[in-house]
Amino acid sequence: MEEILSASFTNSYYFQAEPPSHLLEMSQISQGSWSEVEGMSSGLFSIMNIGTQTMQPKRPAGHPEIEFEEWDTRSVNFLFGNVNRAISDGVCGAPIVDIESGGVSGFFHLSDGVFAYSAVLDDLVAEG
């Protein structure tokens, strides 16, 4: 316990979660699979993947509609634990780590306190 109390937070140190090991494509994430997200001030909470959401890319208000070539695909997860808006803001950008493989399925981005959304990482994985 003393080691944790005296440790300063860095991106290479995790308090409760397993460190991430690699990036995952969306096809490698099973519906119903469990992941963890950890923030320095929020602690650890669990999320369950419930599927994907594919939609037309959003345009800023007042801008005309334009043709698009790719759909905006996001992973949708159900949150478990003490997660409110302030806590969600505190973990924005934290890796979503699959508890079985240690792979990162995305980075925590948007949450309404019940559901969390994150961009899929297929393009990053493809680029190596």
C-alpha atoms as a PDB file:
ATOM      1  CA  MET A   1       0.000   0.000   0.000  1.00  0.00           C
ATOM      2  CA  GLU A   2       2.857   2.396   0.772  1.00  0.00           C
ATOM      3  CA  GLU A   3       4.168   1.911  -2.789  1.00  0.00           C
ATOM      4  CA  ILE A   4       0.842   3.127  -4.225  1.00  0.00           C
ATOM      5  CA  LEU A   5       0.659   6.106  -1.881  1.00  0.00           C
ATOM      6  CA  SER A   6       4.137   7.279  -2.806  1.00  0.00           C
ATOM      7  CA  ALA A   7       3.818   6.612  -6.549  1.00  0.00           C
ATOM      8  CA  SER A   8       3.362   9.541  -8.842  1.00  0.00           C
ATOM      9  CA  PHE A   9       0.963   9.012 -11.719  1.00  0.00           C
ATOM     10  CA  THR A  10       2.370   8.450 -15.190  1.00  0.00           C
ATOM     11  CA  ASN A  11       0.977   6.815 -18.298  1.00  0.00           C
ATOM     12  CA  SER A  12       3.132   3.769 -17.562  1.00  0.00           C
ATOM     13  CA  TYR A  13       1.686   3.121 -14.092  1.00  0.00           C
ATOM     14  CA  TYR A  14      -1.743   1.620 -13.477  1.00  0.00           C
ATOM     15  CA  PHE A  15      -3.246   1.471 -10.016  1.00  0.00           C
ATOM     16  CA  GLN A  16      -5.844  -1.296 -10.432  1.00  0.00           C
ATOM     17  CA  ALA A  17      -6.253  -2.090 -14.132  1.00  0.00           C
ATOM     18  CA  GLU A  18      -4.023  -4.341 -16.155  1.00  0.00           C
ATOM     19  CA  PRO A  19      -1.781  -2.348 -18.500  1.00  0.00           C
ATOM     20  CA  PRO A  20      -2.867  -2.445 -22.160  1.00  0.00           C
ATOM     21  CA  SER A  21      -0.813  -4.634 -24.483  1.00  0.00           C
ATOM     22  CA  HIS A  22      -2.059  -4.020 -28.047  1.00  0.00           C
ATOM     23  CA  LEU A  23      -4.800  -2.422 -30.160  1.00  0.00           C
ATOM     24  CA  LEU A  24      -7.911  -4.328 -31.261  1.00  0.00           C
ATOM     25  CA  GLU A  25      -9.963  -4.086 -34.440  1.00  0.00           C
ATOM     26  CA  MET A  26     -13.728  -3.960 -34.022  1.00  0.00           C
ATOM     27  CA  SER A  27     -14.018  -7.516 -35.404  1.00  0.00           C
ATOM     28  CA  GLN A  28     -11.923  -8.726 -32.438  1.00  0.00           C
ATOM     29  CA  ILE A  29     -14.369  -7.346 -29.855  1.00  0.00           C
ATOM     30  CA  SER A  30     -17.234  -9.637 -28.922  1.00  0.00           C
ATOM     31  CA  GLN A  31     -20.628  -8.287 -28.005  1.00  0.00           C
ATOM     32  CA  GLY A  32     -20.969  -8.826 -24.254  1.00  0.00           C
ATOM     33  CA  SER A  33     -17.213  -8.707 -23.630  1.00  0.00           C
ATOM     34  CA  TRP A  34     -15.959  -6.891 -20.524  1.00  0.00           C
ATOM     35  CA  SER A  35     -13.383  -4.134 -20.353  1.00  0.00           C
ATOM     36  CA  GLU A  36     -11.991  -1.757 -17.754  1.00  0.00           C
ATOM     37  CA  VAL A  37     -11.251   1.953 -17.740  1.00  0.00           C
ATOM     38  CA  GLU A  38      -9.126   3.597 -15.070  1.00  0.00           C
ATOM     39  CA  GLY A  39      -8.597   7.245 -14.315  1.00  0.00           C
ATOM     40  CA  MET A  40      -6.191   8.747 -11.810  1.00  0.00           C
ATOM     41  CA  SER A  41      -8.945  10.371  -9.746  1.00  0.00           C
ATOM     42  CA  SER A  42     -11.920   8.189 -10.674  1.00  0.00           C
ATOM     43  CA  GLY A  43     -10.474   4.770 -10.018  1.00  0.00           C
ATOM     44  CA  LEU A  44     -11.452   1.674 -11.947  1.00  0.00           C
ATOM     45  CA  PHE A  45     -14.819   0.963 -13.487  1.00  0.00           C
ATOM     46  CA  SER A  46     -16.114  -1.768 -15.760  1.00  0.00           C
ATOM     47  CA  ILE A  47     -17.842  -1.541 -19.097  1.00  0.00           C
ATOM     48  CA  MET A  48     -19.558  -4.143 -21.276  1.00  0.00           C
ATOM     49  CA  ASN A  49     -19.562  -3.907 -25.061  1.00  0.00           C
ATOM     50  CA  ILE A  50     -23.108  -3.969 -26.402  1.00  0.00           C
ATOM     51  CA  GLY A  51     -22.366  -3.391 -30.084  1.00  0.00           C
ATOM     52  CA  THR A  52     -21.517  -0.748 -32.628  1.00  0.00           C
ATOM     53  CA  GLN A  53     -23.221   2.363 -33.886  1.00  0.00           C
ATOM     54  CA  THR A  54     -22.725   3.420 -37.491  1.00  0.00           C
ATOM     55  CA  MET A  55     -23.965   6.808 -38.649  1.00  0.00           C
ATOM     56  CA  GLN A  56     -23.432   9.538 -41.195  1.00  0.00           C
ATOM     57  CA  PRO A  57     -20.602  11.860 -40.139  1.00  0.00           C
ATOM     58  CA  LYS A  58     -21.986  14.962 -38.416  1.00  0.00           C
ATOM     59  CA  ARG A  59     -21.603  18.362 -40.019  1.00  0.00           C
ATOM     60  CA  PRO A  60     -21.306  21.550 -37.971  1.00  0.00           C
ATOM     61  CA  ALA A  61     -24.557  23.486 -37.579  1.00  0.00           C
ATOM     62  CA  GLY A  62     -25.236  25.787 -40.512  1.00  0.00           C
ATOM     63  CA  HIS A  63     -22.925  23.958 -42.919  1.00  0.00           C
ATOM     64  CA  PRO A  64     -24.390  22.378 -46.076  1.00  0.00           C
ATOM     65  CA  GLU A  65     -24.653  18.618 -46.441  1.00  0.00           C
ATOM     66  CA  ILE A  66     -21.825  17.079 -48.470  1.00  0.00           C
ATOM     67  CA  GLU A  67     -21.132  13.654 -49.895  1.00  0.00           C
ATOM     68  CA  PHE A  68     -19.176  11.328 -47.602  1.00  0.00           C
ATOM     69  CA  GLU A  69     -17.157   8.203 -48.301  1.00  0.00           C
ATOM     70  CA  GLU A  70     -17.010   6.538 -44.879  1.00  0.00           C
ATOM     71  CA  TRP A  71     -19.538   6.012 -42.125  1.00  0.00           C
ATOM     72  CA  ASP A  72     -18.640   7.079 -38.579  1.00  0.00           C
ATOM     73  CA  THR A  73     -18.409   3.813 -36.614  1.00  0.00           C
ATOM     74  CA  ARG A  74     -18.284   3.786 -32.826  1.00  0.00           C
ATOM     75  CA  SER A  75     -18.201   1.129 -30.169  1.00  0.00           C
ATOM     76  CA  VAL A  76     -21.083   1.332 -27.687  1.00  0.00           C
ATOM     77  CA  ASN A  77     -20.521   0.175 -24.095  1.00  0.00           C
ATOM     78  CA  PHE A  78     -22.695  -0.060 -20.994  1.00  0.00           C
ATOM     79  CA  LEU A  79     -21.071   1.431 -17.871  1.00  0.00           C
ATOM     80  CA  PHE A  80     -20.927  -0.190 -14.435  1.00  0.00           C
ATOM     81  CA  GLY A  81     -19.741   1.566 -11.303  1.00  0.00           C
ATOM     82  CA  ASN A  82     -19.782   5.051  -9.869  1.00  0.00           C
ATOM     83  CA  VAL A  83     -19.784   6.971 -13.140  1.00  0.00           C
ATOM     84  CA  ASN A  84     -21.289  10.428 -13.380  1.00  0.00           C
ATOM     85  CA  ARG A  85     -20.518  13.237 -15.816  1.00  0.00           C
ATOM     86  CA  ALA A  86     -17.615  14.651 -13.752  1.00  0.00           C
ATOM     87  CA  ILE A  87     -15.994  11.218 -13.466  1.00  0.00           C
ATOM     88  CA  SER A  88     -16.560  10.550 -17.166  1.00  0.00           C
ATOM     89  CA  ASP A  89     -14.809  13.813 -18.023  1.00  0.00           C
ATOM     90  CA  GLY A  90     -11.888  12.757 -15.798  1.00  0.00           C
ATOM     91  CA  VAL A  91     -11.230   9.559 -17.753  1.00  0.00           C
ATOM     92  CA  CYS A  92     -11.660  11.029 -21.231  1.00  0.00           C
ATOM     93  CA  GLY A  93      -8.925   9.555 -23.411  1.00  0.00           C
ATOM     94  CA  ALA A  94      -8.180   6.619 -21.098  1.00  0.00           C
ATOM     95  CA  PRO A  95      -7.736   3.268 -22.868  1.00  0.00           C
ATOM     96  CA  ILE A  96     -10.645   0.821 -22.774  1.00  0.00           C
ATOM     97  CA  VAL A  97      -8.818  -2.432 -21.973  1.00  0.00           C
ATOM     98  CA  ASP A  98     -10.360  -5.847 -22.671  1.00  0.00           C
ATOM     99  CA  ILE A  99      -9.974  -7.869 -19.463  1.00  0.00           C
ATOM    100  CA  GLU A 100      -9.317 -11.179 -21.250  1.00  0.00           C
ATOM    101  CA  SER A 101      -6.793 -10.154 -23.906  1.00  0.00           C
ATOM    102  CA  GLY A 102      -5.353  -6.899 -22.542  1.00  0.00           C
ATOM    103  CA  GLY A 103      -6.117  -5.329 -25.912  1.00  0.00           C
ATOM    104  CA  VAL A 104      -7.358  -1.762 -26.272  1.00  0.00           C
ATOM    105  CA  SER A 105     -10.747  -1.562 -27.986  1.00  0.00           C
ATOM    106  CA  GLY A 106     -10.858   2.239 -27.981  1.00  0.00           C
ATOM    107  CA  PHE A 107     -10.267   5.333 -25.905  1.00  0.00           C
ATOM    108  CA  PHE A 108     -12.966   6.588 -23.551  1.00  0.00           C
ATOM    109  CA  HIS A 109     -14.632   9.518 -25.277  1.00  0.00           C
ATOM    110  CA  LEU A 110     -18.303  10.251 -24.661  1.00  0.00           C
ATOM    111  CA  SER A 111     -20.558   9.150 -21.839  1.00  0.00           C
ATOM    112  CA  ASP A 112     -24.016  10.066 -20.669  1.00  0.00           C
ATOM    113  CA  GLY A 113     -23.519   8.201 -17.371  1.00  0.00           C
ATOM    114  CA  VAL A 114     -25.041   4.975 -18.711  1.00  0.00           C
ATOM    115  CA  PHE A 115     -23.502   4.418 -22.135  1.00  0.00           C
ATOM    116  CA  ALA A 116     -19.976   5.169 -23.347  1.00  0.00           C
ATOM    117  CA  TYR A 117     -19.008   5.683 -26.967  1.00  0.00           C
ATOM    118  CA  SER A 118     -15.563   5.420 -28.518  1.00  0.00           C
ATOM    119  CA  ALA A 119     -14.228   5.466 -32.057  1.00  0.00           C
ATOM    120  CA  VAL A 120     -13.150   2.084 -33.390  1.00  0.00           C
ATOM    121  CA  LEU A 121      -9.409   1.607 -33.932  1.00  0.00           C
ATOM    122  CA  ASP A 122      -9.474  -0.289 -37.238  1.00  0.00           C
ATOM    123  CA  ASP A 123      -7.612   2.453 -39.141  1.00  0.00           C
ATOM    124  CA  LEU A 124      -4.876   2.647 -36.476  1.00  0.00           C
ATOM    125  CA  VAL A 125      -4.432  -1.134 -36.474  1.00  0.00           C
ATOM    126  CA  ALA A 126      -4.276  -1.192 -40.289  1.00  0.00           C
ATOM    127  CA  GLU A 127      -1.556   1.464 -40.310  1.00  0.00           C
ATOM    128  CA  GLY A 128       0.522  -0.613 -37.895  1.00  0.00           C
END
